Amino acid sequence: MDSNHIRSVAITGAVITVSTTRTKETDTSGQAIIGLLKEKSIPIEHYAIVTDQIGSIRDELYQALKKANCIIINGGTGLTHDDCTIEAISPLLDKKIEGFGEFFRMKSIGQIGTASMLSRAVGGIIGGRAIFCIPGSTPAVTLATTELILPEITHIISHANR
């Protein structure tokens, strides 16, 4: 890849867990994402747990957008009646990163087989910031963060701010 293709940019992180049952003490998935970002020297500027409600998810996203350019939302991406993360976030995206969800499901097949088709993982851009919506299981957040988000985040933010 052309080295001029990726600019040097400071990445700042935000983690939002969508759950009606998790607390900061029991949010293993949110803590896993935070740990993985910190391992790559990405400071965490925002962390919250919100309920499965479109208004709550959007309000928290707006707070995170003021502080971070890599926002990872975990939970609420499935097919149950209360899963609404995708409905909350997708309409707000300036651009979708179609390959993110496709690659996430492709990589998930190795972990959970064809049940990976139930994941509605989405990535996109809002105002030059990257937003990723991923399932809330710890294996899923680890997979998405280590194999998809971290390897490309500088590239994504570089392009989103051209």
N, C-alpha and C. Protein backbone atom coordinates (compact mmCIF):
# COMPACT_ATOMS: atom_id res chain seq x y z
N MET A 1 0.83 -1.18 0.00
CA MET A 1 0.00 0.00 0.00
C MET A 1 0.88 1.24 0.00
N ASP A 2 0.45 2.23 -0.73
CA ASP A 2 1.14 3.51 -0.80
C ASP A 2 1.15 4.16 0.58
N SER A 3 2.32 4.49 1.09
CA SER A 3 2.42 5.07 2.43
C SER A 3 1.78 6.45 2.49
N ASN A 4 1.62 7.12 1.36
CA ASN A 4 0.94 8.41 1.34
C ASN A 4 -0.57 8.26 1.47
N HIS A 5 -1.02 7.03 1.37
CA HIS A 5 -2.44 6.71 1.39
C HIS A 5 -3.02 6.88 2.80
N ILE A 6 -2.19 6.67 3.83
CA ILE A 6 -2.65 6.76 5.21
C ILE A 6 -1.90 7.89 5.90
N ARG A 7 -2.66 8.83 6.44
CA ARG A 7 -2.06 9.94 7.18
C ARG A 7 -1.92 9.54 8.64
N SER A 8 -1.02 10.20 9.32
CA SER A 8 -0.88 9.99 10.75
C SER A 8 -1.99 10.76 11.46
N VAL A 9 -2.82 10.06 12.19
CA VAL A 9 -3.92 10.69 12.92
C VAL A 9 -3.97 10.13 14.34
N ALA A 10 -4.40 10.95 15.25
CA ALA A 10 -4.57 10.51 16.63
C ALA A 10 -5.92 9.82 16.75
N ILE A 11 -5.91 8.61 17.27
CA ILE A 11 -7.14 7.86 17.46
C ILE A 11 -7.55 7.96 18.93
N THR A 12 -8.80 8.30 19.15
CA THR A 12 -9.36 8.34 20.50
C THR A 12 -10.58 7.43 20.54
N GLY A 13 -10.73 6.68 21.61
CA GLY A 13 -11.76 5.67 21.68
C GLY A 13 -12.94 5.99 22.57
N ALA A 14 -14.07 5.42 22.22
CA ALA A 14 -15.27 5.45 23.05
C ALA A 14 -15.91 4.07 22.97
N VAL A 15 -16.41 3.60 24.10
CA VAL A 15 -17.07 2.30 24.16
C VAL A 15 -18.44 2.49 24.79
N ILE A 16 -19.45 2.01 24.08
CA ILE A 16 -20.82 2.05 24.58
C ILE A 16 -21.36 0.62 24.58
N THR A 17 -21.79 0.17 25.74
CA THR A 17 -22.41 -1.15 25.86
C THR A 17 -23.91 -0.96 25.94
N VAL A 18 -24.64 -1.68 25.09
CA VAL A 18 -26.10 -1.63 25.09
C VAL A 18 -26.59 -2.88 25.80
N SER A 19 -27.19 -2.67 26.97
CA SER A 19 -27.66 -3.81 27.77
C SER A 19 -28.59 -3.32 28.86
N THR A 20 -29.59 -4.13 29.17
CA THR A 20 -30.47 -3.80 30.29
C THR A 20 -30.02 -4.49 31.56
N THR A 21 -29.03 -5.38 31.46
CA THR A 21 -28.62 -6.14 32.65
C THR A 21 -27.19 -5.89 33.10
N ARG A 22 -26.32 -5.41 32.23
CA ARG A 22 -24.91 -5.26 32.62
C ARG A 22 -24.67 -4.00 33.44
N THR A 23 -23.68 -4.11 34.31
CA THR A 23 -23.19 -2.98 35.08
C THR A 23 -21.72 -2.81 34.72
N LYS A 24 -21.08 -1.74 35.19
CA LYS A 24 -19.65 -1.56 34.89
C LYS A 24 -18.83 -2.71 35.45
N GLU A 25 -19.31 -3.35 36.51
CA GLU A 25 -18.60 -4.50 37.11
C GLU A 25 -18.79 -5.78 36.30
N THR A 26 -19.92 -5.92 35.63
CA THR A 26 -20.21 -7.17 34.90
C THR A 26 -20.08 -7.03 33.38
N ASP A 27 -19.66 -5.87 32.92
CA ASP A 27 -19.56 -5.63 31.47
C ASP A 27 -18.21 -6.14 30.94
N THR A 28 -18.11 -7.46 30.82
CA THR A 28 -16.85 -8.05 30.36
C THR A 28 -16.54 -7.67 28.92
N SER A 29 -17.57 -7.50 28.09
CA SER A 29 -17.33 -7.15 26.69
C SER A 29 -16.82 -5.72 26.55
N GLY A 30 -17.45 -4.80 27.23
CA GLY A 30 -16.99 -3.42 27.20
C GLY A 30 -15.57 -3.30 27.74
N GLN A 31 -15.30 -4.00 28.83
CA GLN A 31 -13.95 -3.97 29.41
C GLN A 31 -12.92 -4.61 28.47
N ALA A 32 -13.34 -5.65 27.74
CA ALA A 32 -12.43 -6.28 26.77
C ALA A 32 -12.05 -5.29 25.66
N ILE A 33 -13.04 -4.55 25.15
CA ILE A 33 -12.76 -3.56 24.10
C ILE A 33 -11.82 -2.49 24.64
N ILE A 34 -12.11 -1.98 25.83
CA ILE A 34 -11.26 -0.96 26.44
C ILE A 34 -9.83 -1.46 26.58
N GLY A 35 -9.67 -2.69 27.06
CA GLY A 35 -8.34 -3.26 27.22
C GLY A 35 -7.60 -3.38 25.90
N LEU A 36 -8.29 -3.80 24.86
CA LEU A 36 -7.67 -3.96 23.54
C LEU A 36 -7.26 -2.62 22.95
N LEU A 37 -8.08 -1.59 23.12
CA LEU A 37 -7.72 -0.26 22.63
C LEU A 37 -6.52 0.28 23.41
N LYS A 38 -6.54 0.12 24.71
CA LYS A 38 -5.43 0.62 25.53
C LYS A 38 -4.12 -0.08 25.18
N GLU A 39 -4.19 -1.38 24.84
CA GLU A 39 -2.99 -2.11 24.42
C GLU A 39 -2.33 -1.45 23.21
N LYS A 40 -3.15 -0.81 22.38
CA LYS A 40 -2.64 -0.12 21.18
C LYS A 40 -2.46 1.37 21.44
N SER A 41 -2.42 1.75 22.71
CA SER A 41 -2.21 3.15 23.13
C SER A 41 -3.29 4.09 22.63
N ILE A 42 -4.51 3.58 22.51
CA ILE A 42 -5.65 4.42 22.14
C ILE A 42 -6.35 4.82 23.43
N PRO A 43 -6.34 6.12 23.75
CA PRO A 43 -6.99 6.55 24.98
C PRO A 43 -8.51 6.41 24.91
N ILE A 44 -9.11 6.02 26.02
CA ILE A 44 -10.57 5.89 26.10
C ILE A 44 -11.12 7.19 26.66
N GLU A 45 -11.85 7.91 25.83
CA GLU A 45 -12.38 9.22 26.21
C GLU A 45 -13.82 9.15 26.71
N HIS A 46 -14.48 8.00 26.48
CA HIS A 46 -15.89 7.88 26.87
C HIS A 46 -16.23 6.41 27.05
N TYR A 47 -16.96 6.10 28.11
CA TYR A 47 -17.45 4.73 28.34
C TYR A 47 -18.80 4.84 29.03
N ALA A 48 -19.77 4.09 28.54
CA ALA A 48 -21.10 4.10 29.14
C ALA A 48 -21.82 2.80 28.85
N ILE A 49 -22.81 2.52 29.70
CA ILE A 49 -23.74 1.42 29.48
C ILE A 49 -25.13 2.04 29.37
N VAL A 50 -25.84 1.69 28.31
CA VAL A 50 -27.19 2.24 28.08
C VAL A 50 -28.18 1.11 27.83
N THR A 51 -29.44 1.40 28.04
CA THR A 51 -30.49 0.41 27.81
C THR A 51 -30.82 0.30 26.33
N ASP A 52 -31.49 -0.78 25.98
CA ASP A 52 -31.89 -1.05 24.60
C ASP A 52 -33.05 -0.15 24.19
N GLN A 53 -32.78 1.13 24.04
CA GLN A 53 -33.79 2.08 23.59
C GLN A 53 -33.13 3.03 22.60
N ILE A 54 -33.78 3.25 21.48
CA ILE A 54 -33.19 4.06 20.41
C ILE A 54 -32.75 5.42 20.93
N GLY A 55 -33.58 6.10 21.69
CA GLY A 55 -33.25 7.43 22.20
C GLY A 55 -32.03 7.40 23.11
N SER A 56 -31.95 6.41 23.99
CA SER A 56 -30.80 6.29 24.90
C SER A 56 -29.51 6.02 24.15
N ILE A 57 -29.58 5.14 23.17
CA ILE A 57 -28.39 4.80 22.37
C ILE A 57 -27.91 6.03 21.60
N ARG A 58 -28.83 6.73 20.97
CA ARG A 58 -28.45 7.92 20.20
C ARG A 58 -27.90 9.02 21.10
N ASP A 59 -28.52 9.25 22.25
CA ASP A 59 -28.03 10.27 23.18
C ASP A 59 -26.59 9.98 23.60
N GLU A 60 -26.29 8.71 23.87
CA GLU A 60 -24.94 8.33 24.29
C GLU A 60 -23.96 8.46 23.13
N LEU A 61 -24.40 8.10 21.93
CA LEU A 61 -23.55 8.27 20.75
C LEU A 61 -23.18 9.75 20.57
N TYR A 62 -24.16 10.63 20.71
CA TYR A 62 -23.89 12.06 20.53
C TYR A 62 -22.85 12.55 21.55
N GLN A 63 -22.91 12.03 22.77
CA GLN A 63 -21.90 12.38 23.78
C GLN A 63 -20.52 11.86 23.36
N ALA A 64 -20.47 10.64 22.88
CA ALA A 64 -19.20 10.03 22.46
C ALA A 64 -18.60 10.75 21.26
N LEU A 65 -19.45 11.19 20.33
CA LEU A 65 -18.96 11.88 19.13
C LEU A 65 -18.22 13.17 19.46
N LYS A 66 -18.53 13.78 20.60
CA LYS A 66 -17.85 15.01 21.03
C LYS A 66 -16.43 14.74 21.51
N LYS A 67 -16.13 13.47 21.83
CA LYS A 67 -14.87 13.16 22.52
C LYS A 67 -13.95 12.19 21.77
N ALA A 68 -14.51 11.39 20.87
CA ALA A 68 -13.72 10.29 20.28
C ALA A 68 -13.97 10.17 18.79
N ASN A 69 -13.00 9.56 18.08
CA ASN A 69 -13.17 9.33 16.64
C ASN A 69 -13.25 7.84 16.29
N CYS A 70 -13.19 6.98 17.29
CA CYS A 70 -13.40 5.53 17.10
C CYS A 70 -14.38 5.08 18.18
N ILE A 71 -15.62 4.92 17.78
CA ILE A 71 -16.68 4.60 18.74
C ILE A 71 -17.16 3.18 18.47
N ILE A 72 -17.04 2.35 19.50
CA ILE A 72 -17.44 0.95 19.37
C ILE A 72 -18.64 0.72 20.28
N ILE A 73 -19.76 0.35 19.66
CA ILE A 73 -20.99 0.07 20.39
C ILE A 73 -21.20 -1.44 20.36
N ASN A 74 -21.31 -2.04 21.55
CA ASN A 74 -21.51 -3.49 21.58
C ASN A 74 -22.84 -3.82 22.24
N GLY A 75 -23.51 -4.81 21.66
CA GLY A 75 -24.80 -5.25 22.17
C GLY A 75 -25.96 -4.66 21.38
N GLY A 76 -27.10 -5.34 21.46
CA GLY A 76 -28.31 -4.85 20.80
C GLY A 76 -28.34 -5.00 19.30
N THR A 77 -27.47 -5.88 18.74
CA THR A 77 -27.40 -6.01 17.28
C THR A 77 -28.10 -7.26 16.75
N GLY A 78 -28.74 -8.01 17.62
CA GLY A 78 -29.35 -9.27 17.22
C GLY A 78 -30.75 -9.10 16.65
N LEU A 79 -31.53 -10.17 16.76
CA LEU A 79 -32.85 -10.21 16.14
C LEU A 79 -34.01 -10.20 17.13
N THR A 80 -33.72 -10.13 18.43
CA THR A 80 -34.82 -10.14 19.39
C THR A 80 -35.60 -8.83 19.31
N HIS A 81 -36.79 -8.82 19.90
CA HIS A 81 -37.66 -7.64 19.81
C HIS A 81 -37.05 -6.39 20.42
N ASP A 82 -36.15 -6.55 21.40
CA ASP A 82 -35.57 -5.36 22.03
C ASP A 82 -34.21 -4.95 21.46
N ASP A 83 -33.67 -5.71 20.51
CA ASP A 83 -32.41 -5.34 19.87
C ASP A 83 -32.65 -4.18 18.91
N CYS A 84 -32.11 -2.99 19.22
CA CYS A 84 -32.40 -1.81 18.39
C CYS A 84 -31.17 -0.95 18.12
N THR A 85 -29.96 -1.47 18.39
CA THR A 85 -28.76 -0.67 18.15
C THR A 85 -28.65 -0.28 16.67
N ILE A 86 -28.89 -1.22 15.79
CA ILE A 86 -28.75 -0.94 14.36
C ILE A 86 -29.80 0.09 13.92
N GLU A 87 -31.02 -0.04 14.43
CA GLU A 87 -32.07 0.92 14.08
C GLU A 87 -31.73 2.31 14.62
N ALA A 88 -31.05 2.38 15.76
CA ALA A 88 -30.67 3.66 16.35
C ALA A 88 -29.55 4.33 15.55
N ILE A 89 -28.57 3.54 15.11
CA ILE A 89 -27.34 4.10 14.54
C ILE A 89 -27.36 4.21 13.01
N SER A 90 -27.83 3.19 12.32
CA SER A 90 -27.75 3.18 10.85
C SER A 90 -28.29 4.44 10.17
N PRO A 91 -29.46 4.96 10.59
CA PRO A 91 -29.97 6.16 9.91
C PRO A 91 -29.09 7.40 10.10
N LEU A 92 -28.21 7.38 11.09
CA LEU A 92 -27.36 8.53 11.38
C LEU A 92 -26.05 8.52 10.59
N LEU A 93 -25.70 7.38 10.00
CA LEU A 93 -24.41 7.25 9.32
C LEU A 93 -24.37 8.08 8.05
N ASP A 94 -23.28 8.85 7.90
CA ASP A 94 -23.05 9.57 6.65
C ASP A 94 -22.73 8.58 5.54
N LYS A 95 -21.90 7.60 5.89
CA LYS A 95 -21.51 6.53 4.95
C LYS A 95 -21.40 5.23 5.73
N LYS A 96 -21.82 4.14 5.09
CA LYS A 96 -21.66 2.82 5.69
C LYS A 96 -20.34 2.21 5.21
N ILE A 97 -19.72 1.44 6.07
CA ILE A 97 -18.55 0.64 5.68
C ILE A 97 -19.10 -0.78 5.50
N GLU A 98 -19.61 -1.04 4.30
CA GLU A 98 -20.30 -2.31 4.03
C GLU A 98 -19.45 -3.53 4.36
N GLY A 99 -18.16 -3.44 4.02
CA GLY A 99 -17.28 -4.58 4.23
C GLY A 99 -17.12 -4.97 5.69
N PHE A 100 -17.33 -4.03 6.61
CA PHE A 100 -17.15 -4.35 8.03
C PHE A 100 -18.11 -5.46 8.46
N GLY A 101 -19.40 -5.27 8.22
CA GLY A 101 -20.37 -6.30 8.60
C GLY A 101 -20.15 -7.60 7.85
N GLU A 102 -19.82 -7.47 6.57
CA GLU A 102 -19.58 -8.67 5.75
C GLU A 102 -18.39 -9.46 6.30
N PHE A 103 -17.29 -8.76 6.56
CA PHE A 103 -16.10 -9.44 7.08
C PHE A 103 -16.33 -9.99 8.47
N PHE A 104 -17.07 -9.25 9.31
CA PHE A 104 -17.34 -9.73 10.66
C PHE A 104 -18.10 -11.05 10.60
N ARG A 105 -19.14 -11.12 9.78
CA ARG A 105 -19.90 -12.37 9.67
C ARG A 105 -19.05 -13.48 9.08
N MET A 106 -18.22 -13.15 8.10
CA MET A 106 -17.34 -14.15 7.48
C MET A 106 -16.39 -14.73 8.54
N LYS A 107 -15.76 -13.86 9.32
CA LYS A 107 -14.82 -14.33 10.34
C LYS A 107 -15.54 -15.05 11.48
N SER A 108 -16.77 -14.66 11.76
CA SER A 108 -17.53 -15.28 12.85
C SER A 108 -17.93 -16.72 12.56
N ILE A 109 -18.00 -17.08 11.28
CA ILE A 109 -18.38 -18.45 10.92
C ILE A 109 -17.46 -19.45 11.61
N GLY A 110 -16.16 -19.12 11.70
CA GLY A 110 -15.21 -20.02 12.36
C GLY A 110 -15.50 -20.21 13.84
N GLN A 111 -16.11 -19.22 14.49
CA GLN A 111 -16.42 -19.31 15.92
C GLN A 111 -17.79 -19.90 16.20
N ILE A 112 -18.79 -19.47 15.42
CA ILE A 112 -20.17 -19.85 15.76
C ILE A 112 -20.94 -20.48 14.60
N GLY A 113 -20.24 -20.78 13.51
CA GLY A 113 -20.89 -21.43 12.38
C GLY A 113 -21.89 -20.51 11.68
N THR A 114 -22.90 -21.11 11.08
CA THR A 114 -23.85 -20.33 10.28
C THR A 114 -24.73 -19.42 11.14
N ALA A 115 -24.70 -19.57 12.47
CA ALA A 115 -25.42 -18.62 13.33
C ALA A 115 -24.88 -17.20 13.15
N SER A 116 -23.70 -17.08 12.52
CA SER A 116 -23.13 -15.74 12.27
C SER A 116 -24.05 -14.90 11.39
N MET A 117 -24.93 -15.54 10.62
CA MET A 117 -25.84 -14.76 9.78
C MET A 117 -26.83 -13.94 10.60
N LEU A 118 -27.01 -14.27 11.87
CA LEU A 118 -27.92 -13.52 12.73
C LEU A 118 -27.34 -12.19 13.18
N SER A 119 -26.03 -12.00 12.99
CA SER A 119 -25.38 -10.76 13.40
C SER A 119 -25.68 -9.66 12.39
N ARG A 120 -26.07 -8.51 12.91
CA ARG A 120 -26.31 -7.36 12.05
C ARG A 120 -25.22 -6.32 12.26
N ALA A 121 -23.99 -6.76 12.49
CA ALA A 121 -22.87 -5.85 12.71
C ALA A 121 -22.79 -4.82 11.59
N VAL A 122 -22.54 -3.56 11.98
CA VAL A 122 -22.50 -2.44 11.03
C VAL A 122 -21.34 -1.53 11.38
N GLY A 123 -20.71 -0.99 10.35
CA GLY A 123 -19.69 0.05 10.54
C GLY A 123 -20.01 1.21 9.65
N GLY A 124 -19.59 2.40 10.07
CA GLY A 124 -19.83 3.57 9.24
C GLY A 124 -19.13 4.81 9.77
N ILE A 125 -19.44 5.92 9.12
CA ILE A 125 -18.80 7.20 9.42
C ILE A 125 -19.88 8.23 9.74
N ILE A 126 -19.63 9.00 10.79
CA ILE A 126 -20.46 10.17 11.11
C ILE A 126 -19.49 11.32 11.35
N GLY A 127 -19.57 12.34 10.51
CA GLY A 127 -18.75 13.52 10.71
C GLY A 127 -17.26 13.24 10.84
N GLY A 128 -16.75 12.31 10.03
CA GLY A 128 -15.33 11.99 10.05
C GLY A 128 -14.91 11.05 11.17
N ARG A 129 -15.88 10.54 11.92
CA ARG A 129 -15.60 9.60 13.01
C ARG A 129 -16.13 8.22 12.65
N ALA A 130 -15.41 7.18 13.09
CA ALA A 130 -15.81 5.81 12.78
C ALA A 130 -16.70 5.26 13.89
N ILE A 131 -17.78 4.62 13.49
CA ILE A 131 -18.72 4.01 14.42
C ILE A 131 -18.82 2.53 14.05
N PHE A 132 -18.71 1.67 15.05
CA PHE A 132 -18.85 0.24 14.82
C PHE A 132 -19.89 -0.31 15.79
N CYS A 133 -20.86 -1.05 15.26
CA CYS A 133 -21.89 -1.69 16.07
C CYS A 133 -21.67 -3.19 15.96
N ILE A 134 -21.38 -3.82 17.10
CA ILE A 134 -21.01 -5.24 17.10
C ILE A 134 -21.80 -5.98 18.18
N PRO A 135 -21.93 -7.30 18.02
CA PRO A 135 -22.61 -8.08 19.05
C PRO A 135 -21.91 -7.93 20.41
N GLY A 136 -22.65 -8.19 21.46
CA GLY A 136 -22.15 -7.95 22.80
C GLY A 136 -21.43 -9.08 23.49
N SER A 137 -21.24 -10.21 22.82
CA SER A 137 -20.51 -11.29 23.48
C SER A 137 -19.01 -10.97 23.51
N THR A 138 -18.33 -11.44 24.54
CA THR A 138 -16.90 -11.15 24.64
C THR A 138 -16.11 -11.73 23.47
N PRO A 139 -16.39 -12.97 23.02
CA PRO A 139 -15.67 -13.45 21.82
C PRO A 139 -15.93 -12.59 20.59
N ALA A 140 -17.16 -12.10 20.42
CA ALA A 140 -17.49 -11.28 19.25
C ALA A 140 -16.76 -9.94 19.30
N VAL A 141 -16.73 -9.29 20.47
CA VAL A 141 -16.06 -7.99 20.54
C VAL A 141 -14.55 -8.14 20.38
N THR A 142 -14.02 -9.24 20.87
CA THR A 142 -12.58 -9.49 20.72
C THR A 142 -12.24 -9.69 19.25
N LEU A 143 -13.03 -10.50 18.56
CA LEU A 143 -12.83 -10.75 17.13
C LEU A 143 -12.90 -9.45 16.34
N ALA A 144 -13.97 -8.70 16.52
CA ALA A 144 -14.17 -7.47 15.74
C ALA A 144 -13.07 -6.45 16.02
N THR A 145 -12.72 -6.29 17.28
CA THR A 145 -11.74 -5.27 17.64
C THR A 145 -10.34 -5.64 17.17
N THR A 146 -9.92 -6.89 17.41
CA THR A 146 -8.55 -7.27 17.07
C THR A 146 -8.35 -7.53 15.58
N GLU A 147 -9.34 -8.11 14.91
CA GLU A 147 -9.12 -8.54 13.53
C GLU A 147 -9.64 -7.55 12.48
N LEU A 148 -10.53 -6.64 12.86
CA LEU A 148 -11.10 -5.72 11.87
C LEU A 148 -10.89 -4.25 12.23
N ILE A 149 -11.24 -3.86 13.43
CA ILE A 149 -11.21 -2.44 13.78
C ILE A 149 -9.78 -1.94 13.95
N LEU A 150 -9.02 -2.55 14.84
CA LEU A 150 -7.67 -2.04 15.11
C LEU A 150 -6.74 -2.07 13.89
N PRO A 151 -6.76 -3.11 13.07
CA PRO A 151 -5.85 -3.09 11.91
C PRO A 151 -6.16 -1.97 10.90
N GLU A 152 -7.39 -1.46 10.86
CA GLU A 152 -7.78 -0.49 9.83
C GLU A 152 -8.19 0.87 10.35
N ILE A 153 -8.21 1.09 11.66
CA ILE A 153 -8.79 2.33 12.18
C ILE A 153 -8.05 3.57 11.69
N THR A 154 -6.74 3.56 11.64
CA THR A 154 -6.01 4.74 11.16
C THR A 154 -6.34 5.01 9.69
N HIS A 155 -6.42 3.95 8.90
CA HIS A 155 -6.79 4.04 7.48
C HIS A 155 -8.19 4.62 7.34
N ILE A 156 -9.13 4.12 8.14
CA ILE A 156 -10.52 4.57 8.08
C ILE A 156 -10.62 6.06 8.43
N ILE A 157 -10.00 6.44 9.54
CA ILE A 157 -10.07 7.84 9.98
C ILE A 157 -9.36 8.77 8.99
N SER A 158 -8.25 8.30 8.42
CA SER A 158 -7.55 9.10 7.39
C SER A 158 -8.47 9.42 6.23
N HIS A 159 -9.14 8.39 5.71
CA HIS A 159 -10.03 8.58 4.57
C HIS A 159 -11.27 9.39 4.93
N ALA A 160 -11.77 9.17 6.12
CA ALA A 160 -13.02 9.85 6.54
C ALA A 160 -12.80 11.35 6.73
N ASN A 161 -11.54 11.77 6.83
CA ASN A 161 -11.27 13.18 7.07
C ASN A 161 -10.53 13.85 5.91
N ARG A 162 -10.66 13.30 4.74
CA ARG A 162 -10.05 13.92 3.55
C ARG A 162 -10.98 14.91 2.93
